[in-house]
Amino acid sequence: MGLRTDAPAEARAAHQSAREDSDLTPFRLSQNLLSGVFYAPLRGHRAFPTAVAQTEGPQWRAAYFCLGPVAVVLMAEKQAFQYAVGMFAHIQIGVRDLKAMAAFYDAVLSELGLLRDTDLGHVGPAGVIWRLHGSRWPQFVINLPFDGKPSTTANGSQVSFLCASRSAVDAAWSAAISQSALDLGAPGVRTRYAADFYAAYCSDPEGNKLCFVYTDPKP
């Protein structure tokens, strides 16, 4: 992804600097408070944000980048300029059949308390959104790719949902399997990651890899 030709000069300079700086660390967020230019380059990736966006109203700005097939957004309130670097406003995946995939995620994410906030008869540019009741962020989003091409998946990419209990892991995974997800690992403790890492894996009907995980609620 290249920088838009109509991007501000500061954005173009930041984009070029990001390409040339081999010491950039993951999720380092740079900001220019006067121009409102933000970028978050990832080591080893050539896909960078296109520019500042103000699609959610005058108080909201965002920087976009791509990690494999997953679109990631770092967001900030315009007035506060407060960031939790590395934390997500939302995760978005591209899909081919929006209604079918919405039905799949309705069944799965309801087990985690995530509710769809989008009327499928009126899907706007932001796509189909799920979130916790009463919370604006974070969000899980599916949408048709903006470039009009078919969506793709990538080996090594995964969306992981943090669950409130082991039983929630079991329920979400079982719901996914019942909705034609491919079983990539039944619920159980994965000691390779941590002694309390209880997780289950699958891929959705279009091949996006998912994980449902619970760990003990302690630092």
N, C-alpha and C. Protein backbone atom coordinates (compact mmCIF):
# COMPACT_ATOMS: atom_id res chain seq x y z
N MET A 1 0.84 -1.18 0.00
CA MET A 1 0.00 0.00 0.00
C MET A 1 0.88 1.24 0.00
N GLY A 2 0.70 2.12 -0.94
CA GLY A 2 1.47 3.34 -1.00
C GLY A 2 0.71 4.49 -0.42
N LEU A 3 1.39 5.61 -0.25
CA LEU A 3 0.74 6.78 0.30
C LEU A 3 -0.09 7.46 -0.77
N ARG A 4 -1.27 7.97 -0.40
CA ARG A 4 -2.13 8.65 -1.36
C ARG A 4 -1.39 9.85 -1.94
N THR A 5 -1.64 10.11 -3.21
CA THR A 5 -0.97 11.23 -3.87
C THR A 5 -1.43 12.56 -3.32
N ASP A 6 -2.63 12.59 -2.70
CA ASP A 6 -3.11 13.86 -2.15
C ASP A 6 -2.80 14.00 -0.66
N ALA A 7 -1.95 13.11 -0.12
CA ALA A 7 -1.60 13.19 1.29
C ALA A 7 -0.77 14.44 1.55
N PRO A 8 -0.84 14.99 2.78
CA PRO A 8 -0.04 16.16 3.12
C PRO A 8 1.44 15.88 2.97
N ALA A 9 2.21 16.95 2.76
CA ALA A 9 3.65 16.80 2.59
C ALA A 9 4.28 16.11 3.79
N GLU A 10 3.77 16.44 5.01
CA GLU A 10 4.32 15.82 6.21
C GLU A 10 4.09 14.31 6.21
N ALA A 11 2.92 13.90 5.70
CA ALA A 11 2.61 12.47 5.64
C ALA A 11 3.53 11.77 4.66
N ARG A 12 3.78 12.41 3.52
CA ARG A 12 4.66 11.80 2.52
C ARG A 12 6.06 11.66 3.09
N ALA A 13 6.52 12.69 3.82
CA ALA A 13 7.86 12.65 4.41
C ALA A 13 7.96 11.57 5.47
N ALA A 14 6.90 11.44 6.29
CA ALA A 14 6.89 10.41 7.32
C ALA A 14 6.90 9.02 6.70
N HIS A 15 6.13 8.89 5.62
CA HIS A 15 6.05 7.60 4.92
C HIS A 15 7.41 7.22 4.37
N GLN A 16 8.11 8.16 3.73
CA GLN A 16 9.42 7.87 3.18
C GLN A 16 10.43 7.56 4.28
N SER A 17 10.35 8.32 5.39
CA SER A 17 11.25 8.08 6.50
C SER A 17 11.04 6.69 7.08
N ALA A 18 9.78 6.26 7.16
CA ALA A 18 9.47 4.94 7.70
C ALA A 18 10.07 3.85 6.84
N ARG A 19 10.04 4.04 5.52
CA ARG A 19 10.61 3.04 4.62
C ARG A 19 12.13 2.97 4.78
N GLU A 20 12.77 4.10 5.06
CA GLU A 20 14.22 4.15 5.08
C GLU A 20 14.82 3.80 6.44
N ASP A 21 14.02 3.91 7.52
CA ASP A 21 14.53 3.71 8.87
C ASP A 21 14.45 2.24 9.25
N SER A 22 15.58 1.55 9.26
CA SER A 22 15.58 0.12 9.55
C SER A 22 15.47 -0.17 11.04
N ASP A 23 15.53 0.87 11.88
CA ASP A 23 15.50 0.66 13.32
C ASP A 23 14.12 0.88 13.93
N LEU A 24 13.11 1.08 13.08
CA LEU A 24 11.77 1.30 13.61
C LEU A 24 11.29 0.04 14.33
N THR A 25 10.71 0.20 15.49
CA THR A 25 10.19 -0.92 16.26
C THR A 25 8.70 -1.04 16.05
N PRO A 26 8.14 -2.24 16.27
CA PRO A 26 6.70 -2.41 16.05
C PRO A 26 5.87 -1.45 16.87
N PHE A 27 4.83 -0.89 16.22
CA PHE A 27 3.84 -0.06 16.86
C PHE A 27 4.39 1.24 17.43
N ARG A 28 5.56 1.70 16.95
CA ARG A 28 5.99 3.02 17.38
C ARG A 28 5.14 4.05 16.65
N LEU A 29 4.50 4.89 17.42
CA LEU A 29 3.58 5.86 16.85
C LEU A 29 4.23 7.23 16.86
N SER A 30 4.32 7.83 15.70
CA SER A 30 4.87 9.17 15.59
C SER A 30 3.74 10.14 15.38
N GLN A 31 3.85 11.36 15.91
CA GLN A 31 2.77 12.31 15.77
C GLN A 31 3.32 13.71 15.49
N ASN A 32 2.59 14.43 14.71
CA ASN A 32 2.86 15.83 14.45
C ASN A 32 1.57 16.56 14.81
N LEU A 33 1.56 17.21 15.96
CA LEU A 33 0.32 17.75 16.50
C LEU A 33 -0.24 18.89 15.66
N LEU A 34 0.61 19.55 14.90
CA LEU A 34 0.12 20.66 14.09
C LEU A 34 -0.56 20.17 12.84
N SER A 35 0.03 19.21 12.18
CA SER A 35 -0.54 18.72 10.92
C SER A 35 -1.48 17.55 11.13
N GLY A 36 -1.37 16.89 12.30
CA GLY A 36 -2.22 15.73 12.55
C GLY A 36 -1.78 14.52 11.76
N VAL A 37 -0.50 14.37 11.48
CA VAL A 37 0.00 13.23 10.71
C VAL A 37 0.40 12.13 11.68
N PHE A 38 -0.10 10.93 11.45
CA PHE A 38 0.22 9.80 12.29
C PHE A 38 0.68 8.63 11.42
N TYR A 39 1.64 7.85 11.92
CA TYR A 39 1.97 6.61 11.23
C TYR A 39 2.48 5.58 12.23
N ALA A 40 2.31 4.33 11.89
CA ALA A 40 2.72 3.25 12.78
C ALA A 40 3.33 2.12 11.97
N PRO A 41 4.54 2.30 11.43
CA PRO A 41 5.14 1.27 10.59
C PRO A 41 5.52 0.03 11.39
N LEU A 42 5.49 -1.10 10.75
CA LEU A 42 5.90 -2.36 11.35
C LEU A 42 7.18 -2.85 10.69
N ARG A 43 8.11 -3.32 11.50
CA ARG A 43 9.36 -3.85 10.97
C ARG A 43 9.08 -4.96 9.96
N GLY A 44 9.70 -4.88 8.80
CA GLY A 44 9.60 -5.93 7.81
C GLY A 44 8.38 -5.86 6.92
N HIS A 45 7.53 -4.87 7.13
CA HIS A 45 6.34 -4.75 6.29
C HIS A 45 6.44 -3.49 5.43
N ARG A 46 6.00 -3.59 4.20
CA ARG A 46 6.06 -2.46 3.27
C ARG A 46 4.70 -1.78 3.12
N ALA A 47 3.73 -2.21 3.92
CA ALA A 47 2.41 -1.60 3.86
C ALA A 47 2.27 -0.59 4.98
N PHE A 48 2.08 0.68 4.62
CA PHE A 48 2.04 1.76 5.59
C PHE A 48 0.72 2.52 5.46
N PRO A 49 0.42 3.36 6.46
CA PRO A 49 -0.83 4.12 6.43
C PRO A 49 -0.92 5.00 5.20
N THR A 50 -2.11 5.24 4.76
CA THR A 50 -2.30 6.10 3.60
C THR A 50 -2.32 7.57 3.98
N ALA A 51 -2.81 7.92 5.14
CA ALA A 51 -2.84 9.31 5.60
C ALA A 51 -3.80 9.41 6.77
N VAL A 52 -3.94 10.61 7.28
CA VAL A 52 -4.90 10.86 8.35
C VAL A 52 -6.32 10.69 7.81
N ALA A 53 -7.18 10.11 8.62
CA ALA A 53 -8.58 9.97 8.24
C ALA A 53 -9.45 10.64 9.30
N GLN A 54 -10.54 11.25 8.87
CA GLN A 54 -11.48 11.86 9.80
C GLN A 54 -12.89 11.42 9.43
N THR A 55 -13.07 10.10 9.27
CA THR A 55 -14.33 9.57 8.78
C THR A 55 -15.39 9.44 9.87
N GLU A 56 -14.98 9.55 11.15
CA GLU A 56 -15.92 9.37 12.23
C GLU A 56 -16.33 10.70 12.88
N GLY A 57 -15.99 11.81 12.26
CA GLY A 57 -16.35 13.09 12.83
C GLY A 57 -15.11 13.91 13.17
N PRO A 58 -15.29 15.16 13.49
CA PRO A 58 -14.16 16.08 13.65
C PRO A 58 -13.30 15.77 14.87
N GLN A 59 -13.78 14.96 15.81
CA GLN A 59 -13.00 14.69 17.01
C GLN A 59 -12.16 13.42 16.90
N TRP A 60 -12.21 12.77 15.76
CA TRP A 60 -11.60 11.46 15.65
C TRP A 60 -10.62 11.42 14.49
N ARG A 61 -9.41 10.93 14.73
CA ARG A 61 -8.44 10.76 13.66
C ARG A 61 -7.82 9.38 13.79
N ALA A 62 -7.35 8.86 12.68
CA ALA A 62 -6.82 7.50 12.72
C ALA A 62 -5.71 7.32 11.71
N ALA A 63 -4.83 6.36 12.00
CA ALA A 63 -3.80 5.95 11.05
C ALA A 63 -4.03 4.49 10.74
N TYR A 64 -3.96 4.16 9.46
CA TYR A 64 -4.26 2.81 9.01
C TYR A 64 -2.99 2.13 8.49
N PHE A 65 -2.85 0.83 8.79
CA PHE A 65 -1.83 0.06 8.11
C PHE A 65 -2.34 -1.37 7.95
N CYS A 66 -1.65 -2.13 7.13
CA CYS A 66 -2.08 -3.50 6.86
C CYS A 66 -1.08 -4.49 7.42
N LEU A 67 -1.57 -5.52 8.10
CA LEU A 67 -0.76 -6.61 8.61
C LEU A 67 -1.30 -7.88 7.99
N GLY A 68 -0.66 -8.35 6.92
CA GLY A 68 -1.21 -9.45 6.16
C GLY A 68 -2.55 -9.01 5.59
N PRO A 69 -3.60 -9.82 5.76
CA PRO A 69 -4.90 -9.45 5.23
C PRO A 69 -5.73 -8.65 6.22
N VAL A 70 -5.15 -8.35 7.39
CA VAL A 70 -5.93 -7.72 8.45
C VAL A 70 -5.65 -6.23 8.49
N ALA A 71 -6.69 -5.44 8.42
CA ALA A 71 -6.55 -3.99 8.53
C ALA A 71 -6.56 -3.61 9.99
N VAL A 72 -5.55 -2.83 10.42
CA VAL A 72 -5.42 -2.43 11.81
C VAL A 72 -5.51 -0.92 11.89
N VAL A 73 -6.20 -0.43 12.89
CA VAL A 73 -6.39 1.00 13.05
C VAL A 73 -5.93 1.43 14.44
N LEU A 74 -5.03 2.42 14.48
CA LEU A 74 -4.69 3.08 15.72
C LEU A 74 -5.49 4.36 15.76
N MET A 75 -6.21 4.60 16.85
CA MET A 75 -7.10 5.75 16.89
C MET A 75 -6.71 6.68 18.02
N ALA A 76 -7.17 7.91 17.90
CA ALA A 76 -6.90 8.91 18.92
C ALA A 76 -7.98 9.96 18.94
N GLU A 77 -8.31 10.44 20.10
CA GLU A 77 -9.20 11.57 20.20
C GLU A 77 -8.41 12.83 19.87
N LYS A 78 -8.96 13.66 19.01
CA LYS A 78 -8.26 14.83 18.52
C LYS A 78 -7.83 15.77 19.65
N GLN A 79 -8.70 15.94 20.64
CA GLN A 79 -8.41 16.90 21.69
C GLN A 79 -7.35 16.39 22.66
N ALA A 80 -7.39 15.10 23.00
CA ALA A 80 -6.52 14.60 24.06
C ALA A 80 -5.17 14.12 23.54
N PHE A 81 -5.12 13.58 22.32
CA PHE A 81 -3.91 12.99 21.78
C PHE A 81 -3.32 11.97 22.75
N GLN A 82 -4.18 11.11 23.27
CA GLN A 82 -3.74 10.07 24.19
C GLN A 82 -3.77 8.74 23.46
N TYR A 83 -2.70 7.98 23.61
CA TYR A 83 -2.57 6.73 22.87
C TYR A 83 -2.20 5.59 23.80
N ALA A 84 -2.77 4.43 23.57
CA ALA A 84 -2.28 3.20 24.17
C ALA A 84 -1.59 2.46 23.03
N VAL A 85 -0.31 2.69 22.86
CA VAL A 85 0.40 2.19 21.69
C VAL A 85 0.39 0.67 21.69
N GLY A 86 -0.02 0.10 20.56
CA GLY A 86 -0.11 -1.34 20.44
C GLY A 86 -1.49 -1.88 20.77
N MET A 87 -2.39 -1.04 21.30
CA MET A 87 -3.76 -1.45 21.56
C MET A 87 -4.61 -1.03 20.37
N PHE A 88 -5.66 -1.80 20.10
CA PHE A 88 -6.42 -1.60 18.89
C PHE A 88 -7.76 -0.93 19.14
N ALA A 89 -8.14 -0.05 18.22
CA ALA A 89 -9.50 0.46 18.19
C ALA A 89 -10.40 -0.62 17.61
N HIS A 90 -9.97 -1.20 16.49
CA HIS A 90 -10.71 -2.33 15.93
C HIS A 90 -9.83 -3.16 15.02
N ILE A 91 -10.25 -4.40 14.86
CA ILE A 91 -9.62 -5.33 13.91
C ILE A 91 -10.64 -5.61 12.82
N GLN A 92 -10.21 -5.51 11.58
CA GLN A 92 -11.11 -5.74 10.44
C GLN A 92 -10.54 -6.82 9.53
N ILE A 93 -11.41 -7.73 9.09
CA ILE A 93 -11.00 -8.72 8.10
C ILE A 93 -11.89 -8.57 6.87
N GLY A 94 -11.30 -8.82 5.72
CA GLY A 94 -12.05 -8.79 4.49
C GLY A 94 -12.77 -10.12 4.27
N VAL A 95 -13.98 -10.06 3.71
CA VAL A 95 -14.75 -11.27 3.44
C VAL A 95 -15.32 -11.18 2.02
N ARG A 96 -15.77 -12.33 1.52
CA ARG A 96 -16.35 -12.37 0.18
C ARG A 96 -17.89 -12.35 0.23
N ASP A 97 -18.46 -13.06 1.21
CA ASP A 97 -19.91 -13.13 1.37
C ASP A 97 -20.28 -12.45 2.69
N LEU A 98 -20.65 -11.19 2.62
CA LEU A 98 -20.85 -10.39 3.82
C LEU A 98 -21.98 -10.94 4.70
N LYS A 99 -23.11 -11.30 4.09
CA LYS A 99 -24.25 -11.77 4.89
C LYS A 99 -23.98 -13.13 5.52
N ALA A 100 -23.37 -14.03 4.76
CA ALA A 100 -23.07 -15.36 5.31
C ALA A 100 -22.07 -15.27 6.45
N MET A 101 -21.07 -14.43 6.28
CA MET A 101 -20.06 -14.29 7.32
C MET A 101 -20.61 -13.54 8.53
N ALA A 102 -21.54 -12.63 8.30
CA ALA A 102 -22.19 -11.95 9.42
C ALA A 102 -22.97 -12.96 10.25
N ALA A 103 -23.65 -13.89 9.60
CA ALA A 103 -24.39 -14.92 10.32
C ALA A 103 -23.44 -15.81 11.13
N PHE A 104 -22.30 -16.14 10.55
CA PHE A 104 -21.30 -16.94 11.27
C PHE A 104 -20.84 -16.21 12.52
N TYR A 105 -20.43 -14.96 12.37
CA TYR A 105 -19.90 -14.23 13.52
C TYR A 105 -20.99 -13.85 14.52
N ASP A 106 -22.22 -13.70 14.08
CA ASP A 106 -23.33 -13.51 15.03
C ASP A 106 -23.39 -14.70 16.00
N ALA A 107 -23.32 -15.89 15.45
CA ALA A 107 -23.43 -17.11 16.26
C ALA A 107 -22.24 -17.26 17.20
N VAL A 108 -21.05 -16.94 16.71
CA VAL A 108 -19.84 -17.15 17.50
C VAL A 108 -19.64 -16.05 18.54
N LEU A 109 -19.72 -14.81 18.12
CA LEU A 109 -19.38 -13.70 19.01
C LEU A 109 -20.43 -13.45 20.07
N SER A 110 -21.65 -13.89 19.84
CA SER A 110 -22.67 -13.75 20.88
C SER A 110 -22.29 -14.55 22.12
N GLU A 111 -21.52 -15.61 21.94
CA GLU A 111 -21.05 -16.41 23.08
C GLU A 111 -20.05 -15.64 23.93
N LEU A 112 -19.49 -14.58 23.38
CA LEU A 112 -18.51 -13.77 24.09
C LEU A 112 -19.08 -12.43 24.54
N GLY A 113 -20.38 -12.26 24.32
CA GLY A 113 -21.01 -11.00 24.73
C GLY A 113 -20.84 -9.88 23.74
N LEU A 114 -20.36 -10.19 22.54
CA LEU A 114 -20.20 -9.18 21.49
C LEU A 114 -21.45 -9.17 20.62
N LEU A 115 -22.03 -8.01 20.44
CA LEU A 115 -23.28 -7.87 19.71
C LEU A 115 -23.06 -7.09 18.42
N ARG A 116 -23.76 -7.53 17.36
CA ARG A 116 -23.65 -6.81 16.08
C ARG A 116 -24.36 -5.46 16.19
N ASP A 117 -23.67 -4.44 15.73
CA ASP A 117 -24.17 -3.07 15.83
C ASP A 117 -24.57 -2.51 14.47
N THR A 118 -24.62 -3.38 13.46
CA THR A 118 -24.85 -2.94 12.09
C THR A 118 -26.05 -3.65 11.49
N ASP A 119 -26.96 -2.88 10.92
CA ASP A 119 -28.10 -3.44 10.19
C ASP A 119 -27.59 -3.92 8.83
N LEU A 120 -27.76 -5.20 8.54
CA LEU A 120 -27.24 -5.74 7.29
C LEU A 120 -27.92 -5.15 6.07
N GLY A 121 -29.05 -4.52 6.26
CA GLY A 121 -29.70 -3.84 5.15
C GLY A 121 -29.14 -2.47 4.89
N HIS A 122 -28.28 -1.99 5.78
CA HIS A 122 -27.71 -0.64 5.64
C HIS A 122 -26.24 -0.66 6.08
N VAL A 123 -25.45 -1.44 5.38
CA VAL A 123 -24.02 -1.52 5.69
C VAL A 123 -23.30 -0.36 5.04
N GLY A 124 -22.65 0.47 5.84
CA GLY A 124 -21.93 1.63 5.33
C GLY A 124 -20.47 1.33 5.11
N PRO A 125 -19.67 2.37 4.86
CA PRO A 125 -18.24 2.19 4.60
C PRO A 125 -17.48 1.53 5.75
N ALA A 126 -17.98 1.67 6.97
CA ALA A 126 -17.28 1.10 8.12
C ALA A 126 -17.44 -0.41 8.22
N GLY A 127 -18.36 -0.99 7.45
CA GLY A 127 -18.54 -2.43 7.46
C GLY A 127 -19.51 -2.90 8.53
N VAL A 128 -19.44 -4.19 8.85
CA VAL A 128 -20.31 -4.81 9.85
C VAL A 128 -19.53 -4.91 11.16
N ILE A 129 -20.09 -4.35 12.21
CA ILE A 129 -19.35 -4.14 13.46
C ILE A 129 -19.99 -4.93 14.61
N TRP A 130 -19.12 -5.55 15.43
CA TRP A 130 -19.52 -6.16 16.71
C TRP A 130 -18.75 -5.48 17.82
N ARG A 131 -19.41 -5.29 18.97
CA ARG A 131 -18.75 -4.72 20.14
C ARG A 131 -19.54 -5.08 21.39
N LEU A 132 -18.93 -4.83 22.54
CA LEU A 132 -19.61 -5.05 23.80
C LEU A 132 -20.69 -3.99 23.99
N HIS A 133 -21.79 -4.36 24.60
CA HIS A 133 -22.87 -3.42 24.85
C HIS A 133 -22.36 -2.27 25.72
N GLY A 134 -22.63 -1.06 25.28
CA GLY A 134 -22.25 0.12 26.03
C GLY A 134 -20.83 0.60 25.79
N SER A 135 -20.08 -0.10 24.96
CA SER A 135 -18.69 0.29 24.69
C SER A 135 -18.51 0.61 23.21
N ARG A 136 -17.86 1.73 22.93
CA ARG A 136 -17.58 2.07 21.54
C ARG A 136 -16.41 1.26 21.00
N TRP A 137 -15.37 1.11 21.80
CA TRP A 137 -14.17 0.37 21.41
C TRP A 137 -13.89 -0.69 22.47
N PRO A 138 -13.20 -1.78 22.09
CA PRO A 138 -12.76 -2.14 20.74
C PRO A 138 -13.90 -2.75 19.93
N GLN A 139 -13.64 -2.92 18.64
CA GLN A 139 -14.63 -3.48 17.73
C GLN A 139 -14.00 -4.57 16.87
N PHE A 140 -14.83 -5.53 16.48
CA PHE A 140 -14.45 -6.50 15.45
C PHE A 140 -15.30 -6.19 14.23
N VAL A 141 -14.66 -6.14 13.06
CA VAL A 141 -15.32 -5.66 11.85
C VAL A 141 -15.05 -6.61 10.68
N ILE A 142 -16.07 -6.86 9.88
CA ILE A 142 -15.88 -7.52 8.59
C ILE A 142 -16.42 -6.60 7.50
N ASN A 143 -15.81 -6.70 6.32
CA ASN A 143 -16.25 -5.85 5.22
C ASN A 143 -15.74 -6.43 3.91
N LEU A 144 -16.36 -6.01 2.82
CA LEU A 144 -15.82 -6.31 1.50
C LEU A 144 -14.60 -5.44 1.29
N PRO A 145 -13.54 -5.95 0.65
CA PRO A 145 -12.34 -5.13 0.43
C PRO A 145 -12.67 -3.84 -0.33
N PHE A 146 -12.06 -2.75 0.09
CA PHE A 146 -12.31 -1.46 -0.55
C PHE A 146 -11.87 -1.43 -2.00
N ASP A 147 -10.85 -2.24 -2.36
CA ASP A 147 -10.33 -2.19 -3.73
C ASP A 147 -11.18 -3.00 -4.71
N GLY A 148 -12.24 -3.64 -4.23
CA GLY A 148 -13.12 -4.40 -5.11
C GLY A 148 -12.63 -5.78 -5.48
N LYS A 149 -11.42 -6.14 -5.03
CA LYS A 149 -10.88 -7.46 -5.33
C LYS A 149 -11.35 -8.47 -4.28
N PRO A 150 -11.30 -9.76 -4.59
CA PRO A 150 -11.71 -10.76 -3.60
C PRO A 150 -10.82 -10.70 -2.36
N SER A 151 -11.39 -10.97 -1.20
CA SER A 151 -10.61 -10.99 0.02
C SER A 151 -9.67 -12.19 0.01
N THR A 152 -8.58 -12.10 0.75
CA THR A 152 -7.60 -13.17 0.85
C THR A 152 -7.25 -13.41 2.31
N THR A 153 -6.64 -14.56 2.58
CA THR A 153 -6.12 -14.86 3.90
C THR A 153 -4.61 -15.04 3.78
N ALA A 154 -3.95 -15.09 4.93
CA ALA A 154 -2.49 -15.24 4.90
C ALA A 154 -2.06 -16.23 5.97
N ASN A 155 -1.13 -17.12 5.62
CA ASN A 155 -0.59 -18.06 6.58
C ASN A 155 0.16 -17.30 7.66
N GLY A 156 -0.18 -17.57 8.91
CA GLY A 156 0.47 -16.88 10.03
C GLY A 156 -0.37 -15.77 10.63
N SER A 157 -1.44 -15.36 9.96
CA SER A 157 -2.32 -14.34 10.51
C SER A 157 -3.41 -15.00 11.36
N GLN A 158 -3.79 -14.32 12.43
CA GLN A 158 -4.78 -14.89 13.34
C GLN A 158 -5.45 -13.76 14.14
N VAL A 159 -6.74 -13.88 14.33
CA VAL A 159 -7.47 -12.97 15.21
C VAL A 159 -7.82 -13.75 16.47
N SER A 160 -7.37 -13.27 17.63
CA SER A 160 -7.58 -13.96 18.90
C SER A 160 -8.55 -13.18 19.77
N PHE A 161 -9.56 -13.86 20.29
CA PHE A 161 -10.56 -13.25 21.14
C PHE A 161 -10.32 -13.67 22.59
N LEU A 162 -10.14 -12.68 23.45
CA LEU A 162 -9.95 -12.95 24.88
C LEU A 162 -11.30 -13.28 25.51
N CYS A 163 -11.38 -14.40 26.18
CA CYS A 163 -12.64 -14.87 26.76
C CYS A 163 -12.64 -14.71 28.27
N ALA A 164 -13.83 -14.67 28.86
CA ALA A 164 -13.97 -14.42 30.29
C ALA A 164 -13.77 -15.67 31.14
N SER A 165 -13.79 -16.83 30.51
CA SER A 165 -13.66 -18.08 31.25
C SER A 165 -13.31 -19.21 30.28
N ARG A 166 -12.93 -20.34 30.83
CA ARG A 166 -12.68 -21.50 29.99
C ARG A 166 -13.96 -21.97 29.32
N SER A 167 -15.08 -21.87 30.03
CA SER A 167 -16.35 -22.28 29.44
C SER A 167 -16.72 -21.39 28.27
N ALA A 168 -16.33 -20.11 28.30
CA ALA A 168 -16.59 -19.22 27.18
C ALA A 168 -15.76 -19.62 25.96
N VAL A 169 -14.52 -20.05 26.21
CA VAL A 169 -13.69 -20.58 25.11
C VAL A 169 -14.40 -21.77 24.48
N ASP A 170 -14.85 -22.69 25.32
CA ASP A 170 -15.53 -23.89 24.82
C ASP A 170 -16.76 -23.52 24.00
N ALA A 171 -17.56 -22.57 24.52
CA ALA A 171 -18.81 -22.20 23.85
C ALA A 171 -18.57 -21.53 22.51
N ALA A 172 -17.60 -20.60 22.47
CA ALA A 172 -17.33 -19.89 21.22
C ALA A 172 -16.79 -20.85 20.16
N TRP A 173 -15.86 -21.71 20.56
CA TRP A 173 -15.28 -22.67 19.62
C TRP A 173 -16.36 -23.64 19.12
N SER A 174 -17.20 -24.13 20.02
CA SER A 174 -18.25 -25.06 19.62
C SER A 174 -19.24 -24.40 18.67
N ALA A 175 -19.56 -23.12 18.93
CA ALA A 175 -20.46 -22.40 18.04
C ALA A 175 -19.83 -22.26 16.66
N ALA A 176 -18.54 -21.97 16.62
CA ALA A 176 -17.85 -21.83 15.33
C ALA A 176 -17.87 -23.15 14.55
N ILE A 177 -17.56 -24.24 15.24
CA ILE A 177 -17.55 -25.55 14.57
C ILE A 177 -18.93 -25.91 14.05
N SER A 178 -19.96 -25.55 14.81
CA SER A 178 -21.33 -25.85 14.38
C SER A 178 -21.75 -25.02 13.18
N GLN A 179 -21.01 -23.92 12.94
CA GLN A 179 -21.30 -23.04 11.81
C GLN A 179 -20.31 -23.24 10.66
N SER A 180 -19.76 -24.45 10.57
CA SER A 180 -18.89 -24.87 9.45
C SER A 180 -17.49 -24.32 9.51
N ALA A 181 -17.02 -23.91 10.70
CA ALA A 181 -15.61 -23.55 10.84
C ALA A 181 -14.77 -24.82 10.77
N LEU A 182 -13.52 -24.68 10.34
CA LEU A 182 -12.58 -25.80 10.29
C LEU A 182 -11.87 -25.92 11.63
N ASP A 183 -11.91 -27.10 12.22
CA ASP A 183 -11.28 -27.37 13.51
C ASP A 183 -9.76 -27.33 13.35
N LEU A 184 -9.12 -26.40 14.08
CA LEU A 184 -7.66 -26.31 14.06
C LEU A 184 -7.05 -26.58 15.43
N GLY A 185 -7.88 -27.03 16.37
CA GLY A 185 -7.38 -27.33 17.71
C GLY A 185 -8.45 -27.15 18.76
N ALA A 186 -8.87 -28.26 19.37
CA ALA A 186 -9.94 -28.22 20.37
C ALA A 186 -9.48 -27.50 21.64
N PRO A 187 -10.43 -27.07 22.46
CA PRO A 187 -10.07 -26.36 23.70
C PRO A 187 -9.14 -27.17 24.59
N GLY A 188 -8.16 -26.49 25.14
CA GLY A 188 -7.21 -27.14 26.05
C GLY A 188 -6.11 -26.17 26.43
N VAL A 189 -5.30 -26.56 27.41
CA VAL A 189 -4.18 -25.73 27.86
C VAL A 189 -3.02 -25.90 26.89
N ARG A 190 -2.47 -24.78 26.44
CA ARG A 190 -1.29 -24.77 25.56
C ARG A 190 -0.09 -24.33 26.39
N THR A 191 0.59 -25.29 27.01
CA THR A 191 1.70 -24.94 27.90
C THR A 191 2.89 -24.36 27.16
N ARG A 192 2.91 -24.53 25.84
CA ARG A 192 4.01 -23.93 25.07
C ARG A 192 3.99 -22.41 25.17
N TYR A 193 2.81 -21.85 25.44
CA TYR A 193 2.67 -20.40 25.57
C TYR A 193 2.71 -19.96 27.03
N ALA A 194 1.95 -20.65 27.89
CA ALA A 194 1.93 -20.35 29.31
C ALA A 194 1.16 -21.46 30.01
N ALA A 195 1.41 -21.62 31.30
CA ALA A 195 0.78 -22.70 32.05
C ALA A 195 -0.73 -22.54 32.14
N ASP A 196 -1.20 -21.28 32.01
CA ASP A 196 -2.65 -21.01 32.14
C ASP A 196 -3.29 -20.64 30.82
N PHE A 197 -2.60 -20.87 29.70
CA PHE A 197 -3.09 -20.45 28.38
C PHE A 197 -4.06 -21.49 27.85
N TYR A 198 -5.35 -21.29 28.11
CA TYR A 198 -6.41 -22.20 27.69
C TYR A 198 -7.01 -21.64 26.40
N ALA A 199 -6.92 -22.39 25.31
CA ALA A 199 -7.30 -21.84 24.01
C ALA A 199 -7.87 -22.90 23.10
N ALA A 200 -8.55 -22.41 22.07
CA ALA A 200 -9.09 -23.27 21.00
C ALA A 200 -8.94 -22.52 19.68
N TYR A 201 -8.79 -23.27 18.59
CA TYR A 201 -8.48 -22.68 17.30
C TYR A 201 -9.41 -23.21 16.21
N CYS A 202 -9.67 -22.37 15.23
CA CYS A 202 -10.44 -22.78 14.06
C CYS A 202 -10.20 -21.76 12.96
N SER A 203 -10.69 -22.05 11.79
CA SER A 203 -10.73 -21.04 10.74
C SER A 203 -12.17 -20.86 10.32
N ASP A 204 -12.56 -19.63 10.06
CA ASP A 204 -13.95 -19.36 9.69
C ASP A 204 -14.23 -19.93 8.29
N PRO A 205 -15.47 -19.91 7.82
CA PRO A 205 -15.80 -20.53 6.53
C PRO A 205 -15.04 -19.97 5.34
N GLU A 206 -14.42 -18.81 5.47
CA GLU A 206 -13.63 -18.26 4.37
C GLU A 206 -12.13 -18.38 4.61
N GLY A 207 -11.74 -19.07 5.69
CA GLY A 207 -10.33 -19.38 5.88
C GLY A 207 -9.57 -18.48 6.82
N ASN A 208 -10.22 -17.53 7.48
CA ASN A 208 -9.53 -16.67 8.44
C ASN A 208 -9.33 -17.42 9.76
N LYS A 209 -8.10 -17.47 10.24
CA LYS A 209 -7.80 -18.24 11.46
C LYS A 209 -8.22 -17.45 12.69
N LEU A 210 -8.89 -18.16 13.61
CA LEU A 210 -9.39 -17.55 14.84
C LEU A 210 -8.87 -18.33 16.04
N CYS A 211 -8.70 -17.62 17.14
CA CYS A 211 -8.34 -18.23 18.41
C CYS A 211 -9.26 -17.68 19.49
N PHE A 212 -9.66 -18.52 20.41
CA PHE A 212 -10.42 -18.11 21.60
C PHE A 212 -9.56 -18.50 22.80
N VAL A 213 -9.27 -17.55 23.67
CA VAL A 213 -8.29 -17.81 24.73
C VAL A 213 -8.74 -17.25 26.07
N TYR A 214 -8.40 -17.98 27.13
CA TYR A 214 -8.62 -17.51 28.49
C TYR A 214 -7.33 -17.75 29.28
N THR A 215 -6.93 -16.77 30.08
CA THR A 215 -5.84 -16.91 31.02
C THR A 215 -6.29 -16.41 32.38
N ASP A 216 -5.60 -16.82 33.42
CA ASP A 216 -5.96 -16.39 34.76
C ASP A 216 -5.92 -14.87 34.85
N PRO A 217 -6.89 -14.25 35.52
CA PRO A 217 -6.95 -12.78 35.62
C PRO A 217 -5.95 -12.23 36.61
N LYS A 218 -4.69 -12.30 36.25
CA LYS A 218 -3.63 -11.77 37.10
C LYS A 218 -2.52 -11.27 36.19
N PRO A 219 -1.66 -10.35 36.67
CA PRO A 219 -0.59 -9.81 35.83
C PRO A 219 0.34 -10.90 35.33
